[in-house]
Protein backbone atom coordinates (compact mmCIF):
# COMPACT_ATOMS: atom_id res chain seq x y z
CA VAL A 1 10.47 -18.95 7.23
CA ILE A 2 9.75 -16.52 4.46
CA ALA A 3 8.30 -13.30 5.82
CA THR A 4 6.50 -10.82 3.58
CA ALA A 5 5.38 -7.26 4.13
CA ARG A 6 4.51 -4.21 2.11
CA ARG A 7 7.44 -2.46 3.80
CA LEU A 8 10.53 -4.53 4.55
CA SER A 9 11.35 -2.17 7.43
CA ALA A 10 8.37 -3.67 9.26
CA ILE A 11 10.06 -7.07 9.39
CA GLU A 12 13.75 -6.20 9.52
CA ASP A 13 14.09 -7.89 12.92
CA LEU A 14 12.93 -11.19 11.39
CA LYS A 15 15.66 -10.99 8.77
CA ASP A 16 18.20 -10.59 11.57
CA LYS A 17 16.83 -13.84 13.06
CA GLY A 18 17.33 -15.81 9.85
CA ALA A 19 14.09 -15.37 7.92
CA GLN A 20 14.18 -14.53 4.25
CA THR A 21 12.16 -11.39 3.63
CA PHE A 22 10.34 -10.25 0.51
CA THR A 23 8.15 -7.32 -0.39
CA LEU A 24 4.63 -8.40 -1.31
CA ASN A 25 1.77 -6.18 -2.38
CA VAL A 26 -1.30 -8.33 -1.83
CA ASP A 27 -3.21 -6.21 -4.32
CA ASP A 28 -0.88 -7.17 -7.18
CA THR A 29 -2.33 -8.90 -10.24
CA PRO A 30 -2.80 -12.67 -10.21
CA GLN A 31 0.13 -13.01 -12.63
CA GLU A 32 2.42 -10.95 -10.38
CA LEU A 33 1.35 -13.05 -7.40
CA LYS A 34 2.06 -16.24 -9.37
CA SER A 35 5.58 -14.92 -10.06
CA PHE A 36 5.95 -14.16 -6.36
CA ALA A 37 4.85 -17.70 -5.47
CA GLU A 38 7.45 -19.13 -7.85
CA LYS A 39 10.12 -16.93 -6.23
CA ALA A 40 9.09 -18.04 -2.74
CA ILE A 41 9.02 -21.72 -3.70
CA GLY A 42 12.41 -21.30 -5.38
CA ALA A 43 13.89 -19.88 -2.18
CA PHE A 44 13.25 -23.09 -0.20
CA GLY A 45 12.12 -25.68 -2.71
CA GLN A 46 8.72 -26.02 -1.09
CA ILE A 47 6.09 -24.16 0.89
CA ASP A 48 4.39 -26.00 3.74
CA ILE A 49 2.23 -23.29 5.30
CA LEU A 50 0.64 -20.22 3.74
CA VAL A 51 -0.65 -17.57 6.15
CA ASN A 52 -2.88 -14.87 4.68
CA ASN A 53 -2.88 -12.02 7.19
CA ALA A 54 -3.39 -8.88 5.12
CA GLY A 55 -6.30 -6.70 6.00
CA TRP A 56 -7.48 -3.30 7.10
CA LEU A 57 -10.66 -1.80 8.51
CA LEU A 58 -12.83 0.63 6.58
CA GLY A 59 -14.77 2.50 9.23
CA GLY A 60 -18.01 4.41 8.97
CA ALA A 61 -21.63 3.68 8.33
CA ILE A 62 -22.19 1.60 5.21
CA GLU A 63 -24.03 4.45 3.47
CA GLU A 64 -21.01 6.71 4.08
CA ASN A 65 -18.56 4.38 2.30
CA THR A 66 -17.98 5.18 -1.35
CA PRO A 67 -18.03 2.45 -3.99
CA ASP A 68 -14.26 2.88 -4.44
CA GLU A 69 -13.69 2.44 -0.70
CA VAL A 70 -15.87 -0.67 -0.62
CA LYS A 71 -14.00 -2.13 -3.60
CA ALA A 72 -10.63 -1.38 -1.99
CA GLN A 73 -11.77 -3.08 1.24
CA PHE A 74 -12.81 -6.25 -0.57
CA ASP A 75 -9.76 -6.17 -2.86
CA THR A 76 -7.42 -6.45 0.13
CA ASN A 77 -9.46 -8.42 2.65
CA PHE A 78 -11.04 -10.93 0.27
CA PHE A 79 -9.87 -10.95 -3.35
CA SER A 80 -6.17 -10.73 -2.48
CA VAL A 81 -6.53 -13.88 -0.36
CA ILE A 82 -8.09 -15.70 -3.30
CA ASN A 83 -5.37 -14.51 -5.67
CA ILE A 84 -2.46 -15.32 -3.34
CA THR A 85 -3.88 -18.70 -2.41
CA ASN A 86 -4.55 -19.56 -6.06
CA ALA A 87 -0.92 -18.70 -6.83
CA PHE A 88 0.30 -21.30 -4.31
CA LEU A 89 -2.38 -23.97 -4.78
CA PRO A 90 -0.79 -25.80 -7.73
CA HIS A 91 2.33 -26.34 -5.59
CA LEU A 92 0.38 -27.50 -2.53
CA ARG A 93 -1.89 -29.81 -4.54
CA SER A 94 1.00 -31.40 -6.41
CA ARG A 95 2.78 -32.11 -3.11
CA LYS A 96 -0.44 -33.51 -1.63
CA THR A 97 0.21 -31.61 1.57
CA GLY A 98 0.08 -28.15 3.04
CA THR A 99 -1.76 -25.83 5.36
CA ILE A 100 -3.49 -22.56 4.52
CA VAL A 101 -4.29 -20.21 7.39
CA ASN A 102 -6.58 -17.27 6.68
CA ILE A 103 -6.67 -14.64 9.40
CA SER A 104 -10.21 -13.36 9.72
CA SER A 105 -11.94 -11.37 12.43
CA GLN A 106 -14.70 -11.65 14.97
CA GLY A 107 -16.27 -8.93 12.86
CA SER A 108 -17.17 -11.68 10.39
CA TYR A 109 -19.96 -12.85 12.67
CA LEU A 110 -20.56 -9.86 14.97
CA ALA A 111 -21.66 -7.45 12.21
CA LEU A 112 -20.09 -4.45 13.90
CA ALA A 113 -21.85 -1.09 13.53
CA GLY A 114 -19.43 1.36 11.98
CA ALA A 115 -17.50 -1.47 10.33
CA GLY A 116 -20.14 -3.11 8.15
CA ILE A 117 -18.07 -3.32 4.98
CA TYR A 118 -15.09 -4.68 6.91
CA SER A 119 -17.34 -7.25 8.60
CA ALA A 120 -18.80 -8.26 5.23
CA SER A 121 -15.33 -8.71 3.72
CA LYS A 122 -14.29 -10.94 6.63
CA ALA A 123 -17.55 -12.93 6.45
CA ALA A 124 -16.83 -13.55 2.76
CA LEU A 125 -13.34 -14.72 3.76
CA GLU A 126 -14.84 -17.14 6.31
CA CYS A 127 -17.11 -18.59 3.62
CA ILE A 128 -14.35 -19.07 1.07
CA THR A 129 -12.11 -20.63 3.73
CA ASP A 130 -14.80 -23.18 4.61
CA THR A 131 -15.29 -23.95 0.92
CA TRP A 132 -11.55 -24.42 0.33
CA ALA A 133 -11.43 -26.83 3.26
CA LYS A 134 -13.89 -29.07 1.41
CA GLU A 135 -12.38 -28.61 -2.05
CA LEU A 136 -8.80 -29.18 -0.95
CA ALA A 137 -9.35 -32.08 1.48
CA PRO A 138 -8.80 -34.70 -1.28
CA PHE A 139 -5.33 -33.19 -1.80
CA ASN A 140 -4.48 -33.32 1.93
CA VAL A 141 -4.29 -29.52 1.97
CA ARG A 142 -5.83 -28.11 5.11
């Protein structure tokens, strides 16, 4: 198990149980995330399961959210998942196996008042996840 977090202190107990821990900023550039993927693959020789679990909730009415806040919400909840997954996909495709798990939210289909931008970012994640399932099926990547 390789565990990642923005703050290693959040997963110190996992390290004590034998997991390798790394710091990962999901909002890093695609090139930085590719370097991270290479480091992670180098630690064990292969990656079998990728779990994308980063996310946060931008509250407030949609009209109250600034463009910068909306962009930050989508950068973490949607674009970071694309960038991280794309960093690992060459490895998974070449092995012809692997599992990608994207943690979404019931907000993706409930359209929660006061969390519209969050809900939209998670709905976008649901859509891209369904699309990847179709695109990656020929490579036995689920």
